Amino acid sequence: MKRVVLFLLTNIAVMVVLSISARILGIDRFLTVNGLNMGMLLAFAALIGFGGSFISLMMSKTMAKWST
C-alpha cells in the first residue's frame, strides 16, 4: 500500500511541476494559440504515464521475487 501511495504522490508532483513550468515559460499560451488545450494534454500525459508506471510498479515486485 505504501508503494502505491508514494507512486501516486510522485506522479502527481511531476504533473504539477510540468504544469507550473509550462505556465512560467509561456508554453501554455503558445499551445492555446495553436489550438491545443494544455489541460487535456496534461491529462493525456498523466493517463499514459500513470498507466505505464503502474504496470511497471506491479511487475517489479514479481520480478524481484523471481530473481532471488
PDB file of N, CA and C in Angstrom:
ATOM      1  N   MET A   1       0.823  -1.196   0.000  1.00  0.00           N
ATOM      2  CA  MET A   1       0.000   0.000   0.000  1.00  0.00           C
ATOM      3  C   MET A   1       0.871   1.267   0.000  1.00  0.00           C
ATOM      4  N   LYS A   2       1.961   1.227   0.777  1.00  0.00           N
ATOM      5  CA  LYS A   2       2.840   2.391   0.879  1.00  0.00           C
ATOM      6  C   LYS A   2       3.457   2.733  -0.473  1.00  0.00           C
ATOM      7  N   ARG A   3       3.852   1.708  -1.231  1.00  0.00           N
ATOM      8  CA  ARG A   3       4.496   1.985  -2.517  1.00  0.00           C
ATOM      9  C   ARG A   3       3.522   2.566  -3.531  1.00  0.00           C
ATOM     10  N   VAL A   4       2.248   2.189  -3.449  1.00  0.00           N
ATOM     11  CA  VAL A   4       1.246   2.751  -4.360  1.00  0.00           C
ATOM     12  C   VAL A   4       1.010   4.222  -4.030  1.00  0.00           C
ATOM     13  N   VAL A   5       0.944   4.549  -2.747  1.00  0.00           N
ATOM     14  CA  VAL A   5       0.752   5.944  -2.333  1.00  0.00           C
ATOM     15  C   VAL A   5       1.950   6.796  -2.762  1.00  0.00           C
ATOM     16  N   LEU A   6       3.161   6.280  -2.551  1.00  0.00           N
ATOM     17  CA  LEU A   6       4.357   7.011  -2.985  1.00  0.00           C
ATOM     18  C   LEU A   6       4.380   7.178  -4.499  1.00  0.00           C
ATOM     19  N   PHE A   7       3.953   6.149  -5.212  1.00  0.00           N
ATOM     20  CA  PHE A   7       3.859   6.195  -6.673  1.00  0.00           C
ATOM     21  C   PHE A   7       2.907   7.304  -7.110  1.00  0.00           C
ATOM     22  N   LEU A   8       1.734   7.364  -6.501  1.00  0.00           N
ATOM     23  CA  LEU A   8       0.749   8.386  -6.859  1.00  0.00           C
ATOM     24  C   LEU A   8       1.255   9.793  -6.530  1.00  0.00           C
ATOM     25  N   LEU A   9       1.843   9.945  -5.361  1.00  0.00           N
ATOM     26  CA  LEU A   9       2.357  11.263  -4.974  1.00  0.00           C
ATOM     27  C   LEU A   9       3.471  11.730  -5.906  1.00  0.00           C
ATOM     28  N   THR A  10       4.340  10.814  -6.300  1.00  0.00           N
ATOM     29  CA  THR A  10       5.425  11.172  -7.218  1.00  0.00           C
ATOM     30  C   THR A  10       4.879  11.600  -8.567  1.00  0.00           C
ATOM     31  N   ASN A  11       3.939  10.846  -9.109  1.00  0.00           N
ATOM     32  CA  ASN A  11       3.376  11.183 -10.417  1.00  0.00           C
ATOM     33  C   ASN A  11       2.593  12.492 -10.380  1.00  0.00           C
ATOM     34  N   ILE A  12       1.872  12.724  -9.310  1.00  0.00           N
ATOM     35  CA  ILE A  12       1.132  13.983  -9.183  1.00  0.00           C
ATOM     36  C   ILE A  12       2.110  15.154  -9.074  1.00  0.00           C
ATOM     37  N   ALA A  13       3.198  14.965  -8.330  1.00  0.00           N
ATOM     38  CA  ALA A  13       4.207  16.023  -8.208  1.00  0.00           C
ATOM     39  C   ALA A  13       4.831  16.348  -9.561  1.00  0.00           C
ATOM     40  N   VAL A  14       5.102  15.330 -10.366  1.00  0.00           N
ATOM     41  CA  VAL A  14       5.663  15.555 -11.701  1.00  0.00           C
ATOM     42  C   VAL A  14       4.683  16.342 -12.558  1.00  0.00           C
ATOM     43  N   MET A  15       3.405  16.003 -12.515  1.00  0.00           N
ATOM     44  CA  MET A  15       2.408  16.710 -13.312  1.00  0.00           C
ATOM     45  C   MET A  15       2.277  18.170 -12.862  1.00  0.00           C
ATOM     46  N   VAL A  16       2.352  18.410 -11.564  1.00  0.00           N
ATOM     47  CA  VAL A  16       2.271  19.782 -11.052  1.00  0.00           C
ATOM     48  C   VAL A  16       3.480  20.599 -11.512  1.00  0.00           C
ATOM     49  N   VAL A  17       4.664  20.006 -11.439  1.00  0.00           N
ATOM     50  CA  VAL A  17       5.875  20.706 -11.885  1.00  0.00           C
ATOM     51  C   VAL A  17       5.797  21.011 -13.378  1.00  0.00           C
ATOM     52  N   LEU A  18       5.326  20.061 -14.185  1.00  0.00           N
ATOM     53  CA  LEU A  18       5.173  20.304 -15.621  1.00  0.00           C
ATOM     54  C   LEU A  18       4.184  21.432 -15.893  1.00  0.00           C
ATOM     55  N   SER A  19       3.091  21.440 -15.168  1.00  0.00           N
ATOM     56  CA  SER A  19       2.081  22.474 -15.354  1.00  0.00           C
ATOM     57  C   SER A  19       2.623  23.857 -14.979  1.00  0.00           C
ATOM     58  N   ILE A  20       3.294  23.940 -13.850  1.00  0.00           N
ATOM     59  CA  ILE A  20       3.853  25.222 -13.408  1.00  0.00           C
ATOM     60  C   ILE A  20       4.935  25.698 -14.370  1.00  0.00           C
ATOM     61  N   SER A  21       5.784  24.781 -14.806  1.00  0.00           N
ATOM     62  CA  SER A  21       6.850  25.143 -15.754  1.00  0.00           C
ATOM     63  C   SER A  21       6.274  25.659 -17.065  1.00  0.00           C
ATOM     64  N   ALA A  22       5.222  25.024 -17.545  1.00  0.00           N
ATOM     65  CA  ALA A  22       4.597  25.455 -18.797  1.00  0.00           C
ATOM     66  C   ALA A  22       4.009  26.853 -18.659  1.00  0.00           C
ATOM     67  N   ARG A  23       3.429  27.146 -17.500  1.00  0.00           N
ATOM     68  CA  ARG A  23       2.867  28.484 -17.285  1.00  0.00           C
ATOM     69  C   ARG A  23       3.951  29.539 -17.182  1.00  0.00           C
ATOM     70  N   ILE A  24       5.014  29.228 -16.456  1.00  0.00           N
ATOM     71  CA  ILE A  24       6.098  30.202 -16.286  1.00  0.00           C
ATOM     72  C   ILE A  24       6.783  30.494 -17.614  1.00  0.00           C
ATOM     73  N   LEU A  25       7.013  29.457 -18.408  1.00  0.00           N
ATOM     74  CA  LEU A  25       7.710  29.625 -19.684  1.00  0.00           C
ATOM     75  C   LEU A  25       6.804  30.099 -20.815  1.00  0.00           C
ATOM     76  N   GLY A  26       5.501  30.138 -20.576  1.00  0.00           N
ATOM     77  CA  GLY A  26       4.567  30.609 -21.589  1.00  0.00           C
ATOM     78  C   GLY A  26       4.202  29.576 -22.636  1.00  0.00           C
ATOM     79  N   ILE A  27       4.519  28.332 -22.369  1.00  0.00           N
ATOM     80  CA  ILE A  27       4.216  27.267 -23.333  1.00  0.00           C
ATOM     81  C   ILE A  27       2.712  27.071 -23.467  1.00  0.00           C
ATOM     82  N   ASP A  28       1.982  27.242 -22.371  1.00  0.00           N
ATOM     83  CA  ASP A  28       0.531  27.043 -22.430  1.00  0.00           C
ATOM     84  C   ASP A  28      -0.142  28.049 -23.361  1.00  0.00           C
ATOM     85  N   ARG A  29       0.334  29.287 -23.364  1.00  0.00           N
ATOM     86  CA  ARG A  29      -0.233  30.289 -24.282  1.00  0.00           C
ATOM     87  C   ARG A  29       0.087  29.955 -25.733  1.00  0.00           C
ATOM     88  N   PHE A  30       1.301  29.502 -25.983  1.00  0.00           N
ATOM     89  CA  PHE A  30       1.702  29.102 -27.334  1.00  0.00           C
ATOM     90  C   PHE A  30       0.844  27.941 -27.827  1.00  0.00           C
ATOM     91  N   LEU A  31       0.594  26.963 -26.964  1.00  0.00           N
ATOM     92  CA  LEU A  31      -0.220  25.812 -27.360  1.00  0.00           C
ATOM     93  C   LEU A  31      -1.673  26.212 -27.597  1.00  0.00           C
ATOM     94  N   THR A  32      -2.192  27.118 -26.769  1.00  0.00           N
ATOM     95  CA  THR A  32      -3.574  27.570 -26.924  1.00  0.00           C
ATOM     96  C   THR A  32      -3.764  28.295 -28.249  1.00  0.00           C
ATOM     97  N   VAL A  33      -2.801  29.122 -28.621  1.00  0.00           N
ATOM     98  CA  VAL A  33      -2.876  29.843 -29.899  1.00  0.00           C
ATOM     99  C   VAL A  33      -2.908  28.858 -31.063  1.00  0.00           C
ATOM    100  N   ASN A  34      -2.189  27.758 -30.929  1.00  0.00           N
ATOM    101  CA  ASN A  34      -2.129  26.752 -31.986  1.00  0.00           C
ATOM    102  C   ASN A  34      -3.234  25.704 -31.889  1.00  0.00           C
ATOM    103  N   GLY A  35      -4.196  25.914 -30.997  1.00  0.00           N
ATOM    104  CA  GLY A  35      -5.366  25.050 -30.928  1.00  0.00           C
ATOM    105  C   GLY A  35      -5.247  23.844 -30.016  1.00  0.00           C
ATOM    106  N   LEU A  36      -4.257  23.823 -29.140  1.00  0.00           N
ATOM    107  CA  LEU A  36      -4.114  22.710 -28.202  1.00  0.00           C
ATOM    108  C   LEU A  36      -4.524  23.159 -26.807  1.00  0.00           C
ATOM    109  N   ASN A  37      -5.209  22.290 -26.102  1.00  0.00           N
ATOM    110  CA  ASN A  37      -5.643  22.571 -24.745  1.00  0.00           C
ATOM    111  C   ASN A  37      -4.610  21.986 -23.783  1.00  0.00           C
ATOM    112  N   MET A  38      -3.937  22.829 -23.020  1.00  0.00           N
ATOM    113  CA  MET A  38      -2.876  22.383 -22.117  1.00  0.00           C
ATOM    114  C   MET A  38      -3.403  21.425 -21.057  1.00  0.00           C
ATOM    115  N   GLY A  39      -4.594  21.680 -20.549  1.00  0.00           N
ATOM    116  CA  GLY A  39      -5.176  20.806 -19.534  1.00  0.00           C
ATOM    117  C   GLY A  39      -5.414  19.401 -20.054  1.00  0.00           C
ATOM    118  N   MET A  40      -5.957  19.305 -21.255  1.00  0.00           N
ATOM    119  CA  MET A  40      -6.211  17.984 -21.839  1.00  0.00           C
ATOM    120  C   MET A  40      -4.909  17.287 -22.211  1.00  0.00           C
ATOM    121  N   LEU A  41      -3.919  18.056 -22.645  1.00  0.00           N
ATOM    122  CA  LEU A  41      -2.615  17.481 -22.963  1.00  0.00           C
ATOM    123  C   LEU A  41      -1.969  16.899 -21.710  1.00  0.00           C
ATOM    124  N   LEU A  42      -2.049  17.620 -20.588  1.00  0.00           N
ATOM    125  CA  LEU A  42      -1.517  17.106 -19.327  1.00  0.00           C
ATOM    126  C   LEU A  42      -2.307  15.897 -18.842  1.00  0.00           C
ATOM    127  N   ALA A  43      -3.627  15.903 -19.037  1.00  0.00           N
ATOM    128  CA  ALA A  43      -4.441  14.754 -18.640  1.00  0.00           C
ATOM    129  C   ALA A  43      -4.066  13.519 -19.453  1.00  0.00           C
ATOM    130  N   PHE A  44      -3.856  13.692 -20.755  1.00  0.00           N
ATOM    131  CA  PHE A  44      -3.450  12.570 -21.603  1.00  0.00           C
ATOM    132  C   PHE A  44      -2.073  12.055 -21.193  1.00  0.00           C
ATOM    133  N   ALA A  45      -1.146  12.979 -20.930  1.00  0.00           N
ATOM    134  CA  ALA A  45       0.192  12.581 -20.493  1.00  0.00           C
ATOM    135  C   ALA A  45       0.131  11.844 -19.157  1.00  0.00           C
ATOM    136  N   ALA A  46      -0.737  12.309 -18.261  1.00  0.00           N
ATOM    137  CA  ALA A  46      -0.895  11.639 -16.970  1.00  0.00           C
ATOM    138  C   ALA A  46      -1.459  10.239 -17.151  1.00  0.00           C
ATOM    139  N   LEU A  47      -2.442  10.101 -18.020  1.00  0.00           N
ATOM    140  CA  LEU A  47      -3.045   8.789 -18.260  1.00  0.00           C
ATOM    141  C   LEU A  47      -2.017   7.801 -18.791  1.00  0.00           C
ATOM    142  N   ILE A  48      -1.265   8.205 -19.798  1.00  0.00           N
ATOM    143  CA  ILE A  48      -0.244   7.336 -20.373  1.00  0.00           C
ATOM    144  C   ILE A  48       0.874   7.085 -19.356  1.00  0.00           C
ATOM    145  N   GLY A  49       1.322   8.127 -18.691  1.00  0.00           N
ATOM    146  CA  GLY A  49       2.401   7.999 -17.711  1.00  0.00           C
ATOM    147  C   GLY A  49       2.014   7.156 -16.510  1.00  0.00           C
ATOM    148  N   PHE A  50       0.828   7.410 -15.961  1.00  0.00           N
ATOM    149  CA  PHE A  50       0.365   6.641 -14.819  1.00  0.00           C
ATOM    150  C   PHE A  50       0.178   5.183 -15.203  1.00  0.00           C
ATOM    151  N   GLY A  51      -0.362   4.948 -16.386  1.00  0.00           N
ATOM    152  CA  GLY A  51      -0.583   3.566 -16.833  1.00  0.00           C
ATOM    153  C   GLY A  51       0.711   2.789 -16.943  1.00  0.00           C
ATOM    154  N   GLY A  52       1.684   3.356 -17.630  1.00  0.00           N
ATOM    155  CA  GLY A  52       2.970   2.677 -17.780  1.00  0.00           C
ATOM    156  C   GLY A  52       3.692   2.499 -16.460  1.00  0.00           C
ATOM    157  N   SER A  53       3.651   3.520 -15.624  1.00  0.00           N
ATOM    158  CA  SER A  53       4.310   3.439 -14.318  1.00  0.00           C
ATOM    159  C   SER A  53       3.634   2.416 -13.418  1.00  0.00           C
ATOM    160  N   PHE A  54       2.319   2.355 -13.469  1.00  0.00           N
ATOM    161  CA  PHE A  54       1.594   1.403 -12.631  1.00  0.00           C
ATOM    162  C   PHE A  54       1.887  -0.029 -13.061  1.00  0.00           C
ATOM    163  N   ILE A  55       1.938  -0.277 -14.361  1.00  0.00           N
ATOM    164  CA  ILE A  55       2.286  -1.615 -14.856  1.00  0.00           C
ATOM    165  C   ILE A  55       3.690  -1.984 -14.400  1.00  0.00           C
ATOM    166  N   SER A  56       4.622  -1.053 -14.514  1.00  0.00           N
ATOM    167  CA  SER A  56       5.998  -1.291 -14.073  1.00  0.00           C
ATOM    168  C   SER A  56       6.058  -1.557 -12.572  1.00  0.00           C
ATOM    169  N   LEU A  57       5.298  -0.796 -11.797  1.00  0.00           N
ATOM    170  CA  LEU A  57       5.271  -0.976 -10.351  1.00  0.00           C
ATOM    171  C   LEU A  57       4.748  -2.354  -9.978  1.00  0.00           C
ATOM    172  N   MET A  58       3.691  -2.793 -10.628  1.00  0.00           N
ATOM    173  CA  MET A  58       3.116  -4.096 -10.320  1.00  0.00           C
ATOM    174  C   MET A  58       4.033  -5.244 -10.763  1.00  0.00           C
ATOM    175  N   MET A  59       4.772  -5.042 -11.841  1.00  0.00           N
ATOM    176  CA  MET A  59       5.684  -6.083 -12.319  1.00  0.00           C
ATOM    177  C   MET A  59       6.956  -6.159 -11.478  1.00  0.00           C
ATOM    178  N   SER A  60       7.359  -5.054 -10.864  1.00  0.00           N
ATOM    179  CA  SER A  60       8.647  -5.015 -10.167  1.00  0.00           C
ATOM    180  C   SER A  60       8.704  -5.980  -8.989  1.00  0.00           C
ATOM    181  N   LYS A  61       7.627  -6.098  -8.240  1.00  0.00           N
ATOM    182  CA  LYS A  61       7.623  -6.996  -7.087  1.00  0.00           C
ATOM    183  C   LYS A  61       7.765  -8.443  -7.541  1.00  0.00           C
ATOM    184  N   THR A  62       7.049  -8.816  -8.589  1.00  0.00           N
ATOM    185  CA  THR A  62       7.124 -10.178  -9.116  1.00  0.00           C
ATOM    186  C   THR A  62       8.513 -10.462  -9.667  1.00  0.00           C
ATOM    187  N   MET A  63       9.065  -9.523 -10.407  1.00  0.00           N
ATOM    188  CA  MET A  63      10.398  -9.712 -10.986  1.00  0.00           C
ATOM    189  C   MET A  63      11.462  -9.825  -9.888  1.00  0.00           C
ATOM    190  N   ALA A  64      11.324  -9.051  -8.826  1.00  0.00           N
ATOM    191  CA  ALA A  64      12.281  -9.122  -7.718  1.00  0.00           C
ATOM    192  C   ALA A  64      12.207 -10.483  -7.031  1.00  0.00           C
ATOM    193  N   LYS A  65      11.007 -11.014  -6.884  1.00  0.00           N
ATOM    194  CA  LYS A  65      10.856 -12.335  -6.268  1.00  0.00           C
ATOM    195  C   LYS A  65      11.446 -13.420  -7.155  1.00  0.00           C
ATOM    196  N   TRP A  66      11.281 -13.297  -8.468  1.00  0.00           N
ATOM    197  CA  TRP A  66      11.821 -14.293  -9.394  1.00  0.00           C
ATOM    198  C   TRP A  66      13.347 -14.282  -9.400  1.00  0.00           C
ATOM    199  N   SER A  67      13.952 -13.127  -9.190  1.00  0.00           N
ATOM    200  CA  SER A  67      15.408 -13.014  -9.302  1.00  0.00           C
ATOM    201  C   SER A  67      16.143 -13.524  -8.066  1.00  0.00           C
ATOM    202  N   THR A  68      15.440 -13.742  -6.970  1.00  0.00           N
ATOM    203  CA  THR A  68      16.116 -14.227  -5.756  1.00  0.00           C
ATOM    204  C   THR A  68      15.976 -15.709  -5.588  1.00  0.00           C
TER     205      THR A  68
END
